């Protein structure tokens, strides 16, 4: 079966928010480092252990916000924020700019997937993902077909 979606333009805010959620999920261990630094309080009691750790976490988070916000401004990434349509089969996802220009993404390039209340999120790397909102599918059957593919590929839980 071939699923042809409607054209969809990824919003900058959605990209930044989803990217930050992926980073927090993927790099959860940074929180453990922060807790370990705060444990320095037991060696030399001082409020500065907490203040320093808080500043470091804030700067780390700010670094990623700047990275994702910067991607929305760079010329080479403008294609991500244009109206794209998708052709989804069990072999690949074809991301189409128009009828003549497209880029295939094989399923084995996708590291993980998430099914949220509004969309399928297919993660390719820390900063690259495919955001497929449910509203771009022409029918409920197409949405269920994509969900079935993701389950067969063990990208989401059955």
N, C-alpha and C. Protein backbone atom coordinates (compact mmCIF):
# COMPACT_ATOMS: atom_id res chain seq x y z
N UNK A 1 0.85 -1.19 0.00
CA UNK A 1 0.00 0.00 0.00
C UNK A 1 0.89 1.24 0.00
N UNK A 2 0.44 2.26 -0.68
CA UNK A 2 1.15 3.53 -0.77
C UNK A 2 0.28 4.60 -0.12
N UNK A 3 0.87 5.32 0.84
CA UNK A 3 0.16 6.42 1.51
C UNK A 3 0.72 7.73 0.97
N UNK A 4 -0.13 8.50 0.31
CA UNK A 4 0.25 9.83 -0.17
C UNK A 4 -0.42 10.86 0.74
N UNK A 5 0.41 11.68 1.36
CA UNK A 5 -0.13 12.65 2.31
C UNK A 5 -0.39 13.99 1.64
N UNK A 6 -1.11 14.83 2.36
CA UNK A 6 -1.30 16.21 1.93
C UNK A 6 0.01 16.95 2.18
N UNK A 7 0.16 18.11 1.54
CA UNK A 7 1.36 18.93 1.77
C UNK A 7 1.28 19.53 3.17
N UNK A 8 2.45 19.61 3.82
CA UNK A 8 2.52 20.13 5.17
C UNK A 8 3.79 20.95 5.35
N UNK A 9 3.68 22.09 6.00
CA UNK A 9 4.82 22.95 6.30
C UNK A 9 5.09 22.87 7.79
N UNK A 10 6.29 22.44 8.15
CA UNK A 10 6.69 22.33 9.55
C UNK A 10 6.93 23.72 10.12
N UNK A 11 6.25 24.02 11.20
CA UNK A 11 6.37 25.31 11.88
C UNK A 11 7.68 25.37 12.66
N UNK A 12 8.33 26.53 12.69
CA UNK A 12 9.59 26.70 13.41
C UNK A 12 9.45 26.34 14.89
N UNK A 13 8.37 26.80 15.52
CA UNK A 13 8.15 26.53 16.94
C UNK A 13 7.97 25.04 17.22
N UNK A 14 7.28 24.36 16.34
CA UNK A 14 7.09 22.91 16.48
C UNK A 14 8.43 22.19 16.36
N UNK A 15 9.26 22.64 15.43
CA UNK A 15 10.58 22.03 15.25
C UNK A 15 11.43 22.20 16.51
N UNK A 16 11.47 23.42 17.04
CA UNK A 16 12.29 23.69 18.22
C UNK A 16 11.79 22.90 19.42
N UNK A 17 10.49 22.92 19.63
CA UNK A 17 9.90 22.21 20.78
C UNK A 17 10.14 20.71 20.69
N UNK A 18 9.89 20.14 19.53
CA UNK A 18 10.07 18.69 19.35
C UNK A 18 11.54 18.31 19.44
N UNK A 19 12.41 19.13 18.88
CA UNK A 19 13.85 18.87 18.97
C UNK A 19 14.34 18.89 20.41
N UNK A 20 13.88 19.86 21.19
CA UNK A 20 14.29 19.92 22.60
C UNK A 20 13.76 18.72 23.39
N UNK A 21 12.55 18.28 23.08
CA UNK A 21 12.01 17.09 23.75
C UNK A 21 12.86 15.87 23.41
N UNK A 22 13.29 15.75 22.17
CA UNK A 22 14.14 14.62 21.78
C UNK A 22 15.47 14.66 22.51
N UNK A 23 16.06 15.85 22.65
CA UNK A 23 17.35 15.98 23.34
C UNK A 23 17.21 15.59 24.81
N UNK A 24 16.17 16.07 25.46
CA UNK A 24 15.98 15.74 26.87
C UNK A 24 15.78 14.24 27.05
N UNK A 25 15.03 13.64 26.13
CA UNK A 25 14.80 12.19 26.20
C UNK A 25 16.09 11.41 25.94
N UNK A 26 16.87 11.86 24.98
CA UNK A 26 18.08 11.14 24.59
C UNK A 26 19.24 11.37 25.56
N UNK A 27 19.30 12.55 26.15
CA UNK A 27 20.42 12.86 27.03
C UNK A 27 19.96 13.06 28.47
N UNK A 28 19.17 12.14 28.96
CA UNK A 28 18.66 12.17 30.33
C UNK A 28 19.78 12.09 31.36
N UNK A 29 20.88 11.50 30.98
CA UNK A 29 22.00 11.30 31.90
C UNK A 29 22.64 12.61 32.35
N UNK A 30 22.38 13.70 31.65
CA UNK A 30 22.90 15.00 32.07
C UNK A 30 22.33 15.36 33.45
N UNK A 31 21.10 14.96 33.71
CA UNK A 31 20.50 15.18 35.02
C UNK A 31 21.25 14.45 36.12
N UNK A 32 21.76 13.27 35.82
CA UNK A 32 22.55 12.53 36.81
C UNK A 32 23.86 13.26 37.14
N UNK A 33 24.45 13.87 36.12
CA UNK A 33 25.67 14.66 36.35
C UNK A 33 25.36 15.85 37.26
N UNK A 34 24.22 16.49 37.02
CA UNK A 34 23.82 17.64 37.84
C UNK A 34 23.62 17.21 39.29
N UNK A 35 22.99 16.07 39.50
CA UNK A 35 22.79 15.56 40.86
C UNK A 35 24.13 15.25 41.52
N UNK A 36 25.05 14.66 40.76
CA UNK A 36 26.37 14.34 41.29
C UNK A 36 27.11 15.62 41.69
N UNK A 37 27.00 16.67 40.88
CA UNK A 37 27.64 17.94 41.24
C UNK A 37 27.02 18.54 42.49
N UNK A 38 25.73 18.42 42.64
CA UNK A 38 25.06 18.94 43.84
C UNK A 38 25.49 18.17 45.08
N UNK A 39 25.90 16.92 44.92
CA UNK A 39 26.38 16.12 46.05
C UNK A 39 27.69 16.66 46.60
N UNK A 40 28.34 17.54 45.88
CA UNK A 40 29.53 18.21 46.38
C UNK A 40 29.24 19.00 47.65
N UNK A 41 27.98 19.31 47.87
CA UNK A 41 27.54 20.01 49.08
C UNK A 41 27.94 19.23 50.34
N UNK A 42 27.93 17.90 50.24
CA UNK A 42 28.27 17.09 51.41
C UNK A 42 29.77 17.10 51.71
N UNK A 43 30.59 17.42 50.71
CA UNK A 43 32.03 17.53 50.92
C UNK A 43 32.41 18.88 51.52
N UNK A 44 31.85 19.93 50.96
CA UNK A 44 32.12 21.30 51.43
C UNK A 44 30.80 22.06 51.36
N UNK A 45 30.05 22.10 52.47
CA UNK A 45 28.72 22.73 52.44
C UNK A 45 28.75 24.19 51.98
N UNK A 46 28.09 24.41 50.86
CA UNK A 46 27.99 25.75 50.30
C UNK A 46 26.84 25.76 49.30
N UNK A 47 26.11 26.84 49.29
CA UNK A 47 24.98 26.99 48.36
C UNK A 47 25.47 27.08 46.92
N UNK A 48 26.76 27.38 46.72
CA UNK A 48 27.31 27.57 45.39
C UNK A 48 27.33 26.27 44.57
N UNK A 49 27.29 25.12 45.22
CA UNK A 49 27.19 23.86 44.48
C UNK A 49 25.89 23.84 43.67
N UNK A 50 24.80 24.30 44.30
CA UNK A 50 23.49 24.30 43.65
C UNK A 50 23.39 25.42 42.61
N UNK A 51 23.93 26.58 42.97
CA UNK A 51 23.88 27.71 42.03
C UNK A 51 24.72 27.40 40.79
N UNK A 52 25.92 26.90 40.98
CA UNK A 52 26.79 26.56 39.85
C UNK A 52 26.18 25.48 38.96
N UNK A 53 25.61 24.46 39.59
CA UNK A 53 24.98 23.39 38.81
C UNK A 53 23.77 23.93 38.04
N UNK A 54 23.00 24.79 38.69
CA UNK A 54 21.84 25.40 38.02
C UNK A 54 22.25 26.23 36.81
N UNK A 55 23.32 27.01 36.98
CA UNK A 55 23.82 27.81 35.86
C UNK A 55 24.31 26.91 34.73
N UNK A 56 25.04 25.85 35.09
CA UNK A 56 25.54 24.92 34.06
C UNK A 56 24.39 24.26 33.30
N UNK A 57 23.35 23.84 34.01
CA UNK A 57 22.19 23.24 33.34
C UNK A 57 21.48 24.24 32.45
N UNK A 58 21.36 25.47 32.93
CA UNK A 58 20.73 26.52 32.13
C UNK A 58 21.51 26.78 30.85
N UNK A 59 22.85 26.86 30.97
CA UNK A 59 23.68 27.07 29.79
C UNK A 59 23.61 25.90 28.82
N UNK A 60 23.57 24.68 29.35
CA UNK A 60 23.44 23.48 28.50
C UNK A 60 22.13 23.52 27.72
N UNK A 61 21.03 23.83 28.41
CA UNK A 61 19.72 23.90 27.77
C UNK A 61 19.70 25.04 26.75
N UNK A 62 20.28 26.18 27.11
CA UNK A 62 20.35 27.32 26.20
C UNK A 62 21.14 27.00 24.95
N UNK A 63 22.22 26.22 25.09
CA UNK A 63 23.01 25.78 23.94
C UNK A 63 22.12 25.06 22.93
N UNK A 64 21.29 24.13 23.41
CA UNK A 64 20.43 23.37 22.50
C UNK A 64 19.31 24.23 21.93
N UNK A 65 18.78 25.16 22.70
CA UNK A 65 17.76 26.08 22.16
C UNK A 65 18.35 26.88 21.01
N UNK A 66 19.58 27.38 21.19
CA UNK A 66 20.24 28.15 20.13
C UNK A 66 20.50 27.28 18.91
N UNK A 67 20.89 26.02 19.12
CA UNK A 67 21.14 25.12 18.01
C UNK A 67 19.87 24.93 17.17
N UNK A 68 18.76 24.63 17.83
CA UNK A 68 17.51 24.39 17.09
C UNK A 68 16.95 25.67 16.48
N UNK A 69 17.06 26.77 17.18
CA UNK A 69 16.59 28.04 16.63
C UNK A 69 17.47 28.45 15.44
N UNK A 70 18.76 28.17 15.53
CA UNK A 70 19.67 28.49 14.43
C UNK A 70 19.38 27.72 13.17
N UNK A 71 18.99 26.47 13.31
CA UNK A 71 18.65 25.64 12.15
C UNK A 71 17.51 26.27 11.36
N UNK A 72 16.57 26.87 12.06
CA UNK A 72 15.42 27.47 11.36
C UNK A 72 15.83 28.69 10.53
N UNK A 73 17.00 29.26 10.82
CA UNK A 73 17.46 30.46 10.12
C UNK A 73 18.47 30.17 9.00
N UNK A 74 19.10 29.00 9.02
CA UNK A 74 20.14 28.70 8.03
C UNK A 74 19.55 28.37 6.67
N UNK A 75 20.22 28.85 5.64
CA UNK A 75 19.76 28.67 4.26
C UNK A 75 19.70 27.20 3.85
N UNK A 76 20.70 26.40 4.26
CA UNK A 76 20.73 25.00 3.82
C UNK A 76 19.63 24.15 4.46
N UNK A 77 18.99 24.66 5.51
CA UNK A 77 17.92 23.91 6.15
C UNK A 77 16.53 24.46 5.81
N UNK A 78 16.46 25.45 4.93
CA UNK A 78 15.17 26.04 4.55
C UNK A 78 14.22 24.99 3.98
N UNK A 79 14.77 23.97 3.34
CA UNK A 79 13.95 22.91 2.74
C UNK A 79 13.08 22.21 3.79
N UNK A 80 13.59 22.12 5.02
CA UNK A 80 12.82 21.47 6.10
C UNK A 80 11.53 22.21 6.42
N UNK A 81 11.52 23.52 6.13
CA UNK A 81 10.40 24.35 6.54
C UNK A 81 9.56 24.81 5.35
N UNK A 82 9.66 24.07 4.23
CA UNK A 82 8.80 24.33 3.09
C UNK A 82 7.67 23.32 3.09
N UNK A 83 6.67 23.57 2.24
CA UNK A 83 5.55 22.63 2.14
C UNK A 83 6.03 21.35 1.47
N UNK A 84 5.94 20.25 2.20
CA UNK A 84 6.38 18.96 1.69
C UNK A 84 5.23 17.97 1.76
N UNK A 85 5.24 17.02 0.85
CA UNK A 85 4.30 15.91 0.94
C UNK A 85 5.13 14.64 1.10
N UNK A 86 4.49 13.59 1.54
CA UNK A 86 5.19 12.34 1.83
C UNK A 86 4.49 11.18 1.15
N UNK A 87 5.29 10.26 0.62
CA UNK A 87 4.77 9.00 0.10
C UNK A 87 5.39 7.91 0.96
N UNK A 88 4.54 7.21 1.68
CA UNK A 88 5.02 6.23 2.65
C UNK A 88 4.65 4.82 2.19
N UNK A 89 5.67 3.96 2.12
CA UNK A 89 5.46 2.55 1.83
C UNK A 89 6.17 1.75 2.91
N UNK A 90 6.07 0.44 2.82
CA UNK A 90 6.76 -0.39 3.81
C UNK A 90 8.26 -0.44 3.56
N UNK A 91 8.75 0.05 2.42
CA UNK A 91 10.17 0.07 2.12
C UNK A 91 10.84 1.40 2.51
N UNK A 92 10.12 2.53 2.33
CA UNK A 92 10.74 3.84 2.52
C UNK A 92 9.69 4.93 2.69
N UNK A 93 10.20 6.09 3.04
CA UNK A 93 9.40 7.32 3.05
C UNK A 93 10.02 8.22 1.99
N UNK A 94 9.22 8.68 1.06
CA UNK A 94 9.69 9.60 0.03
C UNK A 94 9.19 10.99 0.40
N UNK A 95 10.13 11.87 0.70
CA UNK A 95 9.80 13.25 1.05
C UNK A 95 9.84 14.04 -0.25
N UNK A 96 8.68 14.62 -0.63
CA UNK A 96 8.58 15.28 -1.93
C UNK A 96 8.36 16.78 -1.79
N UNK A 97 9.22 17.53 -2.48
CA UNK A 97 9.08 18.98 -2.56
C UNK A 97 8.04 19.32 -3.63
N UNK A 98 8.11 18.62 -4.75
CA UNK A 98 7.12 18.73 -5.82
C UNK A 98 7.09 17.38 -6.55
N UNK A 99 6.44 17.31 -7.69
CA UNK A 99 6.31 16.03 -8.38
C UNK A 99 7.63 15.50 -8.93
N UNK A 100 8.60 16.40 -9.14
CA UNK A 100 9.88 15.98 -9.73
C UNK A 100 11.03 15.90 -8.73
N UNK A 101 10.90 16.56 -7.58
CA UNK A 101 11.98 16.58 -6.60
C UNK A 101 11.55 15.87 -5.32
N UNK A 102 12.39 14.94 -4.88
CA UNK A 102 12.09 14.22 -3.66
C UNK A 102 13.33 13.55 -3.10
N UNK A 103 13.23 13.10 -1.87
CA UNK A 103 14.34 12.42 -1.22
C UNK A 103 13.81 11.20 -0.48
N UNK A 104 14.36 10.02 -0.79
CA UNK A 104 13.91 8.83 -0.08
C UNK A 104 14.62 8.67 1.27
N UNK A 105 13.89 8.19 2.25
CA UNK A 105 14.45 7.86 3.56
C UNK A 105 14.06 6.41 3.84
N UNK A 106 15.07 5.55 3.91
CA UNK A 106 14.81 4.14 4.21
C UNK A 106 14.45 4.00 5.68
N UNK A 107 13.67 2.99 5.99
CA UNK A 107 13.23 2.77 7.37
C UNK A 107 14.40 2.48 8.31
N UNK A 108 15.48 1.91 7.79
CA UNK A 108 16.61 1.61 8.68
C UNK A 108 17.41 2.87 9.05
N UNK A 109 17.13 4.01 8.43
CA UNK A 109 17.76 5.27 8.79
C UNK A 109 17.10 5.90 10.01
N UNK A 110 15.91 5.42 10.35
CA UNK A 110 15.15 5.98 11.46
C UNK A 110 15.58 5.29 12.75
N UNK A 111 16.10 6.09 13.71
CA UNK A 111 16.60 5.54 14.96
C UNK A 111 15.47 5.18 15.92
N UNK A 112 14.45 6.04 15.99
CA UNK A 112 13.33 5.78 16.89
C UNK A 112 12.11 6.54 16.38
N UNK A 113 10.98 6.22 16.96
CA UNK A 113 9.74 6.89 16.59
C UNK A 113 8.89 7.09 17.83
N UNK A 114 8.05 8.08 17.76
CA UNK A 114 7.15 8.38 18.87
C UNK A 114 5.78 8.71 18.29
N UNK A 115 4.78 8.22 18.94
CA UNK A 115 3.42 8.54 18.52
C UNK A 115 2.81 9.42 19.60
N UNK A 116 2.60 10.70 19.28
CA UNK A 116 2.03 11.63 20.24
C UNK A 116 0.54 11.80 19.96
N UNK A 117 -0.08 12.72 20.66
CA UNK A 117 -1.51 12.97 20.47
C UNK A 117 -1.82 13.59 19.12
N UNK A 118 -0.80 14.30 18.55
CA UNK A 118 -1.03 15.04 17.31
C UNK A 118 -0.28 14.51 16.10
N UNK A 119 0.78 13.69 16.33
CA UNK A 119 1.63 13.35 15.19
C UNK A 119 2.49 12.11 15.46
N UNK A 120 3.04 11.60 14.35
CA UNK A 120 4.13 10.62 14.42
C UNK A 120 5.42 11.43 14.32
N UNK A 121 6.40 11.11 15.17
CA UNK A 121 7.69 11.78 15.13
C UNK A 121 8.74 10.70 14.88
N UNK A 122 9.40 10.77 13.72
CA UNK A 122 10.40 9.79 13.33
C UNK A 122 11.78 10.43 13.47
N UNK A 123 12.58 9.94 14.40
CA UNK A 123 13.87 10.56 14.72
C UNK A 123 14.97 9.93 13.88
N UNK A 124 15.69 10.79 13.13
CA UNK A 124 16.82 10.36 12.31
C UNK A 124 18.14 10.59 13.05
N UNK A 125 18.24 11.70 13.76
CA UNK A 125 19.42 12.03 14.56
C UNK A 125 18.97 13.01 15.64
N UNK A 126 19.93 13.55 16.39
CA UNK A 126 19.58 14.48 17.47
C UNK A 126 18.78 15.68 16.96
N UNK A 127 19.16 16.20 15.82
CA UNK A 127 18.53 17.42 15.31
C UNK A 127 17.65 17.19 14.09
N UNK A 128 17.59 15.97 13.59
CA UNK A 128 16.78 15.69 12.41
C UNK A 128 15.67 14.71 12.75
N UNK A 129 14.49 15.08 12.35
CA UNK A 129 13.35 14.19 12.53
C UNK A 129 12.30 14.52 11.49
N UNK A 130 11.41 13.56 11.30
CA UNK A 130 10.28 13.76 10.38
C UNK A 130 9.03 13.87 11.24
N UNK A 131 8.34 14.96 11.09
CA UNK A 131 7.14 15.24 11.88
C UNK A 131 5.93 15.03 10.97
N UNK A 132 5.14 14.03 11.26
CA UNK A 132 3.96 13.70 10.44
C UNK A 132 2.69 13.89 11.26
N UNK A 133 2.09 15.08 11.21
CA UNK A 133 0.84 15.29 11.96
C UNK A 133 -0.28 14.46 11.35
N UNK A 134 -1.20 14.05 12.18
CA UNK A 134 -2.29 13.19 11.72
C UNK A 134 -3.16 13.88 10.67
N UNK A 135 -3.21 15.21 10.69
CA UNK A 135 -4.09 15.93 9.76
C UNK A 135 -3.63 15.83 8.30
N UNK A 136 -2.40 15.39 8.04
CA UNK A 136 -1.94 15.29 6.65
C UNK A 136 -2.38 13.98 6.00
N UNK A 137 -2.87 13.03 6.78
CA UNK A 137 -3.32 11.77 6.21
C UNK A 137 -4.73 11.95 5.67
N UNK A 138 -4.99 11.30 4.53
CA UNK A 138 -6.28 11.46 3.86
C UNK A 138 -7.40 10.65 4.51
N UNK A 139 -7.05 9.62 5.25
CA UNK A 139 -8.07 8.82 5.92
C UNK A 139 -7.47 8.19 7.18
N UNK A 140 -8.34 7.69 8.00
CA UNK A 140 -7.92 7.00 9.23
C UNK A 140 -7.17 5.71 8.89
N UNK A 141 -7.54 5.07 7.78
CA UNK A 141 -6.86 3.83 7.36
C UNK A 141 -5.39 4.08 7.03
N UNK A 142 -5.10 5.22 6.40
CA UNK A 142 -3.71 5.54 6.08
C UNK A 142 -2.90 5.74 7.36
N UNK A 143 -3.49 6.40 8.33
CA UNK A 143 -2.83 6.61 9.62
C UNK A 143 -2.55 5.26 10.29
N UNK A 144 -3.53 4.39 10.27
CA UNK A 144 -3.36 3.06 10.87
C UNK A 144 -2.30 2.24 10.13
N UNK A 145 -2.21 2.41 8.80
CA UNK A 145 -1.20 1.69 8.03
C UNK A 145 0.20 2.14 8.44
N UNK A 146 0.40 3.45 8.59
CA UNK A 146 1.70 3.96 9.03
C UNK A 146 2.01 3.45 10.43
N UNK A 147 1.02 3.45 11.29
CA UNK A 147 1.20 2.93 12.64
C UNK A 147 1.60 1.45 12.62
N UNK A 148 0.99 0.68 11.74
CA UNK A 148 1.33 -0.74 11.59
C UNK A 148 2.76 -0.92 11.11
N UNK A 149 3.19 -0.10 10.15
CA UNK A 149 4.57 -0.18 9.67
C UNK A 149 5.54 0.10 10.82
N UNK A 150 5.25 1.14 11.60
CA UNK A 150 6.12 1.50 12.72
C UNK A 150 6.20 0.38 13.75
N UNK A 151 5.09 -0.31 13.96
CA UNK A 151 5.10 -1.44 14.89
C UNK A 151 5.90 -2.61 14.33
N UNK A 152 5.73 -2.90 13.03
CA UNK A 152 6.48 -3.99 12.41
C UNK A 152 7.98 -3.74 12.41
N UNK A 153 8.36 -2.49 12.26
CA UNK A 153 9.77 -2.13 12.24
C UNK A 153 10.32 -1.96 13.67
N UNK A 154 9.48 -2.22 14.65
CA UNK A 154 9.82 -2.11 16.09
C UNK A 154 10.27 -0.70 16.47
N UNK A 155 9.66 0.30 15.86
CA UNK A 155 9.97 1.67 16.19
C UNK A 155 9.05 2.22 17.27
N UNK A 156 7.82 1.70 17.33
CA UNK A 156 6.93 2.01 18.46
C UNK A 156 6.43 0.69 19.01
N UNK A 157 5.97 0.75 20.25
CA UNK A 157 5.51 -0.46 20.91
C UNK A 157 4.11 -0.83 20.44
N UNK A 158 3.91 -2.13 20.33
CA UNK A 158 2.60 -2.63 19.86
C UNK A 158 1.54 -2.48 20.91
